[in-house]
Amino acid sequence: MKRRNAVLLGNILMGLGLISMIGGVGLTIVGNMGGVALLPGDLAHIPIMGIFIGALVWLVGARVGGRDRIADRYWWIKHCNDDKYRHKHL
């Protein structure tokens, strides 16, 4: 798979994962409101499972698209990395 296609597929998977997570959170909130029953009985846990499935799809998309590493551009990594500031005590 070419890099351009891999990045495109990764972005699509990350978008689907994000939509699934947001939808799962929204359905969970609406389902917990008083008097609203979206899914009966045992099926009421499906929106919560959608959050975790969305997170898994997000991570797969990040891995396929090449965004699974922490970039050096993040402030915390640049300024507070433990390896640079670790003091050796005698």
Protein backbone atom coordinates (compact mmCIF):
# COMPACT_ATOMS: atom_id res chain seq x y z
CA MET A 1 0.00 0.00 0.00
CA LYS A 2 1.38 3.38 -0.94
CA ARG A 3 2.01 5.90 1.80
CA ARG A 4 -0.65 8.28 0.49
CA ASN A 5 -3.27 5.51 0.52
CA ALA A 6 -2.20 4.37 3.98
CA VAL A 7 -2.53 7.90 5.35
CA LEU A 8 -5.95 8.26 3.71
CA LEU A 9 -7.16 4.93 5.11
CA GLY A 10 -5.77 5.85 8.54
CA ASN A 11 -7.60 9.19 8.49
CA ILE A 12 -10.86 7.51 7.46
CA LEU A 13 -10.56 4.94 10.27
CA MET A 14 -9.70 7.65 12.79
CA GLY A 15 -12.76 9.63 11.66
CA LEU A 16 -15.04 6.58 11.95
CA GLY A 17 -13.65 5.87 15.40
CA LEU A 18 -14.26 9.45 16.48
CA ILE A 19 -17.84 9.36 15.18
CA SER A 20 -18.44 6.07 16.97
CA MET A 21 -17.07 7.40 20.26
CA ILE A 22 -19.10 10.61 20.09
CA GLY A 23 -22.22 8.70 19.09
CA GLY A 24 -21.72 6.22 21.91
CA VAL A 25 -21.33 9.00 24.45
CA GLY A 26 -24.41 10.80 23.09
CA LEU A 27 -26.55 7.67 23.13
CA THR A 28 -25.39 6.82 26.64
CA ILE A 29 -26.33 10.28 27.89
CA VAL A 30 -29.72 10.21 26.16
CA GLY A 31 -30.36 6.67 27.41
CA ASN A 32 -29.69 7.68 31.01
CA MET A 33 -32.09 10.60 30.93
CA GLY A 34 -35.30 9.99 32.81
CA GLY A 35 -38.14 8.42 30.90
CA VAL A 36 -36.21 7.71 27.69
CA ALA A 37 -35.69 4.07 26.76
CA LEU A 38 -33.73 3.76 23.52
CA LEU A 39 -32.88 0.08 23.78
CA PRO A 40 -34.71 -2.48 25.92
CA GLY A 41 -33.09 -4.73 28.51
CA ASP A 42 -29.66 -6.16 27.76
CA LEU A 43 -29.24 -4.07 24.62
CA ALA A 44 -28.87 -0.91 26.71
CA HIS A 45 -25.11 -1.53 27.02
CA ILE A 46 -24.47 -1.31 23.27
CA PRO A 47 -23.78 2.47 23.28
CA ILE A 48 -21.13 2.02 25.96
CA MET A 49 -19.55 -0.75 23.92
CA GLY A 50 -19.59 1.64 20.94
CA ILE A 51 -17.26 3.98 22.84
CA PHE A 52 -14.67 1.25 23.26
CA ILE A 53 -15.05 -0.04 19.70
CA GLY A 54 -14.61 3.53 18.46
CA ALA A 55 -11.43 3.89 20.51
CA LEU A 56 -10.11 0.64 19.04
CA VAL A 57 -10.91 1.77 15.48
CA TRP A 58 -9.24 5.12 16.25
CA LEU A 59 -6.05 3.34 17.38
CA VAL A 60 -6.03 1.07 14.32
CA GLY A 61 -6.40 4.13 12.10
CA ALA A 62 -3.53 5.87 13.89
CA ARG A 63 -1.35 2.80 13.43
CA VAL A 64 -2.19 2.45 9.72
CA GLY A 65 -1.77 6.16 9.06
CA GLY A 66 1.61 6.34 10.81
CA ARG A 67 0.50 8.53 13.71
CA ASP A 68 1.18 6.07 16.49
CA ARG A 69 4.35 7.78 17.75
CA ILE A 70 4.59 10.76 20.06
CA ALA A 71 5.92 13.72 18.14
CA ASP A 72 8.70 15.93 19.46
CA ARG A 73 6.57 18.98 18.83
CA TYR A 74 4.62 18.49 22.05
CA TRP A 75 5.68 20.91 24.74
CA TRP A 76 5.71 18.37 27.56
CA ILE A 77 7.99 15.97 25.68
CA LYS A 78 10.42 18.75 24.78
CA HIS A 79 10.65 20.38 28.19
CA CYS A 80 9.88 17.74 30.80
CA ASN A 81 11.28 14.48 29.48
CA ASP A 82 12.37 12.32 32.41
CA ASP A 83 15.49 11.05 30.64
CA LYS A 84 17.04 14.50 30.35
CA TYR A 85 16.21 15.64 33.87
CA ARG A 86 16.78 12.47 35.82
CA HIS A 87 19.25 13.15 38.61
CA LYS A 88 21.55 10.40 39.73
CA HIS A 89 21.63 10.17 43.49
CA LEU A 90 24.61 8.65 45.22
